[in-house]
Amino acid sequence: MAHGTSSDTRKSIIAAGAVVLRTDDDGPKVLVVHRPHHEDWSLPKGKLEPGESPDVAAVREVLEETGVAIHLGLPLPDVHYEVTTKKGTRPKTVHWWIGIPTDDDATERTPDGEVDD
């Protein structure tokens, strides 16, 4: 089924995140998280809470998943893909921004089932 056709009535999952960049004496750095449940590395992102805007969700998700407080820079292109759920596949859209750390000191984050490193 083509994306965006009138027969696509599945509710889309909306998420937001940031590509957090920092430069130090060793060069540019990109912040990623390890997700043990998925056994992968990912950019910090997550689903919007009810009534939450994508920009607010992006800042919240980065802080929750990494302990790094950011402000948003330039928006990046949205990413659209399909995810598999218990009820089948659903379309997902992730809104992205450049994330700029507000200071060099990240809050210590306790590893959990969502993000462990």
C-alpha atoms as a PDB file:
ATOM      1  CA  MET A   1       0.000   0.000   0.000  1.00  0.00           C
ATOM      2  CA  ALA A   2       1.409   3.390  -0.908  1.00  0.00           C
ATOM      3  CA  HIS A   3       2.063   5.811   1.930  1.00  0.00           C
ATOM      4  CA  GLY A   4      -0.592   8.466   2.275  1.00  0.00           C
ATOM      5  CA  THR A   5      -3.298   6.720   0.245  1.00  0.00           C
ATOM      6  CA  SER A   6      -6.897   7.129   1.361  1.00  0.00           C
ATOM      7  CA  SER A   7      -7.086   3.420   2.261  1.00  0.00           C
ATOM      8  CA  ASP A   8      -4.305   3.819   4.860  1.00  0.00           C
ATOM      9  CA  THR A   9      -6.415   4.263   8.001  1.00  0.00           C
ATOM     10  CA  ARG A  10      -3.861   3.007  10.535  1.00  0.00           C
ATOM     11  CA  LYS A  11      -3.068   5.549  13.245  1.00  0.00           C
ATOM     12  CA  SER A  12       0.414   6.970  12.777  1.00  0.00           C
ATOM     13  CA  ILE A  13       2.933   6.924  15.632  1.00  0.00           C
ATOM     14  CA  ILE A  14       4.466  10.371  16.105  1.00  0.00           C
ATOM     15  CA  ALA A  15       7.871  10.754  17.763  1.00  0.00           C
ATOM     16  CA  ALA A  16      10.593  13.374  18.067  1.00  0.00           C
ATOM     17  CA  GLY A  17      14.295  13.500  18.789  1.00  0.00           C
ATOM     18  CA  ALA A  18      17.539  15.302  18.220  1.00  0.00           C
ATOM     19  CA  VAL A  19      20.933  14.771  16.651  1.00  0.00           C
ATOM     20  CA  VAL A  20      22.981  16.149  19.541  1.00  0.00           C
ATOM     21  CA  LEU A  21      26.304  17.582  18.412  1.00  0.00           C
ATOM     22  CA  ARG A  22      29.324  18.738  20.374  1.00  0.00           C
ATOM     23  CA  THR A  23      32.867  19.578  19.323  1.00  0.00           C
ATOM     24  CA  ASP A  24      35.914  19.249  21.542  1.00  0.00           C
ATOM     25  CA  ASP A  25      39.676  19.020  21.011  1.00  0.00           C
ATOM     26  CA  ASP A  26      39.230  15.550  19.444  1.00  0.00           C
ATOM     27  CA  GLY A  27      36.710  16.820  16.885  1.00  0.00           C
ATOM     28  CA  PRO A  28      32.943  16.516  16.433  1.00  0.00           C
ATOM     29  CA  LYS A  29      30.867  14.142  18.575  1.00  0.00           C
ATOM     30  CA  VAL A  30      27.332  12.789  18.045  1.00  0.00           C
ATOM     31  CA  LEU A  31      25.341  11.538  21.049  1.00  0.00           C
ATOM     32  CA  VAL A  32      23.873   8.043  20.655  1.00  0.00           C
ATOM     33  CA  VAL A  33      22.217   5.634  23.104  1.00  0.00           C
ATOM     34  CA  HIS A  34      22.385   1.857  23.399  1.00  0.00           C
ATOM     35  CA  ARG A  35      18.970   0.189  23.559  1.00  0.00           C
ATOM     36  CA  PRO A  36      19.343  -3.309  25.079  1.00  0.00           C
ATOM     37  CA  HIS A  37      15.812  -4.395  24.140  1.00  0.00           C
ATOM     38  CA  HIS A  38      16.532  -3.710  20.452  1.00  0.00           C
ATOM     39  CA  GLU A  39      20.238  -4.602  20.698  1.00  0.00           C
ATOM     40  CA  ASP A  40      21.167  -1.465  18.755  1.00  0.00           C
ATOM     41  CA  TRP A  41      22.510   2.071  18.981  1.00  0.00           C
ATOM     42  CA  SER A  42      20.133   4.931  18.213  1.00  0.00           C
ATOM     43  CA  LEU A  43      19.781   8.677  18.229  1.00  0.00           C
ATOM     44  CA  PRO A  44      17.712   9.769  21.257  1.00  0.00           C
ATOM     45  CA  LYS A  45      14.028  10.001  20.378  1.00  0.00           C
ATOM     46  CA  GLY A  46      10.622   8.956  21.654  1.00  0.00           C
ATOM     47  CA  LYS A  47       6.868   9.189  21.302  1.00  0.00           C
ATOM     48  CA  LEU A  48       4.987  12.375  22.024  1.00  0.00           C
ATOM     49  CA  GLU A  49       2.896  12.460  25.175  1.00  0.00           C
ATOM     50  CA  PRO A  50      -0.773  13.503  24.796  1.00  0.00           C
ATOM     51  CA  GLY A  51      -0.977  17.216  23.971  1.00  0.00           C
ATOM     52  CA  GLU A  52       2.809  17.569  23.667  1.00  0.00           C
ATOM     53  CA  SER A  53       4.380  19.339  20.690  1.00  0.00           C
ATOM     54  CA  PRO A  54       7.212  17.641  18.773  1.00  0.00           C
ATOM     55  CA  ASP A  55       9.824  20.252  19.781  1.00  0.00           C
ATOM     56  CA  VAL A  56       9.027  19.867  23.492  1.00  0.00           C
ATOM     57  CA  ALA A  57       9.074  16.067  23.145  1.00  0.00           C
ATOM     58  CA  ALA A  58      12.493  16.140  21.465  1.00  0.00           C
ATOM     59  CA  VAL A  59      14.050  18.112  24.341  1.00  0.00           C
ATOM     60  CA  ARG A  60      12.325  15.894  26.955  1.00  0.00           C
ATOM     61  CA  GLU A  61      13.321  12.626  25.279  1.00  0.00           C
ATOM     62  CA  VAL A  62      16.992  13.609  24.960  1.00  0.00           C
ATOM     63  CA  LEU A  63      17.110  14.534  28.653  1.00  0.00           C
ATOM     64  CA  GLU A  64      15.260  11.360  29.732  1.00  0.00           C
ATOM     65  CA  GLU A  65      17.374   9.010  27.620  1.00  0.00           C
ATOM     66  CA  THR A  66      20.793  10.633  28.076  1.00  0.00           C
ATOM     67  CA  GLY A  67      20.806  13.064  31.009  1.00  0.00           C
ATOM     68  CA  VAL A  68      21.889  15.820  28.598  1.00  0.00           C
ATOM     69  CA  ALA A  69      19.898  19.066  28.590  1.00  0.00           C
ATOM     70  CA  ILE A  70      19.664  20.652  25.143  1.00  0.00           C
ATOM     71  CA  HIS A  71      18.090  23.460  23.217  1.00  0.00           C
ATOM     72  CA  LEU A  72      16.998  22.912  19.658  1.00  0.00           C
ATOM     73  CA  GLY A  73      18.855  24.209  16.647  1.00  0.00           C
ATOM     74  CA  LEU A  74      17.825  23.840  13.033  1.00  0.00           C
ATOM     75  CA  PRO A  75      15.062  21.373  12.161  1.00  0.00           C
ATOM     76  CA  LEU A  76      16.080  18.321  10.130  1.00  0.00           C
ATOM     77  CA  PRO A  77      13.907  16.398   7.648  1.00  0.00           C
ATOM     78  CA  ASP A  78      11.202  14.187   9.149  1.00  0.00           C
ATOM     79  CA  VAL A  79      11.715  10.444   8.779  1.00  0.00           C
ATOM     80  CA  HIS A  80       8.790   8.171   7.838  1.00  0.00           C
ATOM     81  CA  TYR A  81       8.827   4.375   8.160  1.00  0.00           C
ATOM     82  CA  GLU A  82       6.749   1.366   9.189  1.00  0.00           C
ATOM     83  CA  VAL A  83       7.007  -0.301  12.603  1.00  0.00           C
ATOM     84  CA  THR A  84       5.733  -3.696  13.646  1.00  0.00           C
ATOM     85  CA  THR A  85       3.369  -3.772  16.626  1.00  0.00           C
ATOM     86  CA  LYS A  86       1.327  -6.523  18.251  1.00  0.00           C
ATOM     87  CA  LYS A  87      -1.568  -5.534  15.952  1.00  0.00           C
ATOM     88  CA  GLY A  88       0.473  -5.415  12.725  1.00  0.00           C
ATOM     89  CA  THR A  89       2.395  -2.622  11.078  1.00  0.00           C
ATOM     90  CA  ARG A  90       1.817   1.106  11.602  1.00  0.00           C
ATOM     91  CA  PRO A  91       3.319   4.171   9.978  1.00  0.00           C
ATOM     92  CA  LYS A  92       5.721   6.176  12.155  1.00  0.00           C
ATOM     93  CA  THR A  93       6.956   9.733  11.725  1.00  0.00           C
ATOM     94  CA  VAL A  94       9.940  11.079  13.656  1.00  0.00           C
ATOM     95  CA  HIS A  95      10.502  14.833  13.775  1.00  0.00           C
ATOM     96  CA  TRP A  96      14.218  15.695  14.127  1.00  0.00           C
ATOM     97  CA  TRP A  97      16.265  18.728  15.117  1.00  0.00           C
ATOM     98  CA  ILE A  98      19.895  19.520  15.708  1.00  0.00           C
ATOM     99  CA  GLY A  99      20.365  19.410  19.490  1.00  0.00           C
ATOM    100  CA  ILE A 100      22.835  21.728  21.192  1.00  0.00           C
ATOM    101  CA  PRO A 101      23.911  20.839  24.767  1.00  0.00           C
ATOM    102  CA  THR A 102      23.177  23.667  27.219  1.00  0.00           C
ATOM    103  CA  ASP A 103      26.343  22.880  29.217  1.00  0.00           C
ATOM    104  CA  ASP A 104      29.197  20.383  29.264  1.00  0.00           C
ATOM    105  CA  ASP A 105      28.025  18.561  32.392  1.00  0.00           C
ATOM    106  CA  ALA A 106      25.475  15.822  31.755  1.00  0.00           C
ATOM    107  CA  THR A 107      23.313  14.561  34.597  1.00  0.00           C
ATOM    108  CA  GLU A 108      24.194  11.016  35.644  1.00  0.00           C
ATOM    109  CA  ARG A 109      21.555   8.669  34.198  1.00  0.00           C
ATOM    110  CA  THR A 110      20.829   5.264  35.720  1.00  0.00           C
ATOM    111  CA  PRO A 111      20.753   2.495  33.095  1.00  0.00           C
ATOM    112  CA  ASP A 112      17.364   0.834  32.614  1.00  0.00           C
ATOM    113  CA  GLY A 113      15.562  -1.473  30.180  1.00  0.00           C
ATOM    114  CA  GLU A 114      15.118   1.302  27.626  1.00  0.00           C
ATOM    115  CA  VAL A 115      18.658   2.761  27.522  1.00  0.00           C
ATOM    116  CA  ASP A 116      21.697   1.254  29.222  1.00  0.00           C
ATOM    117  CA  ASP A 117      24.641   3.204  27.782  1.00  0.00           C
END
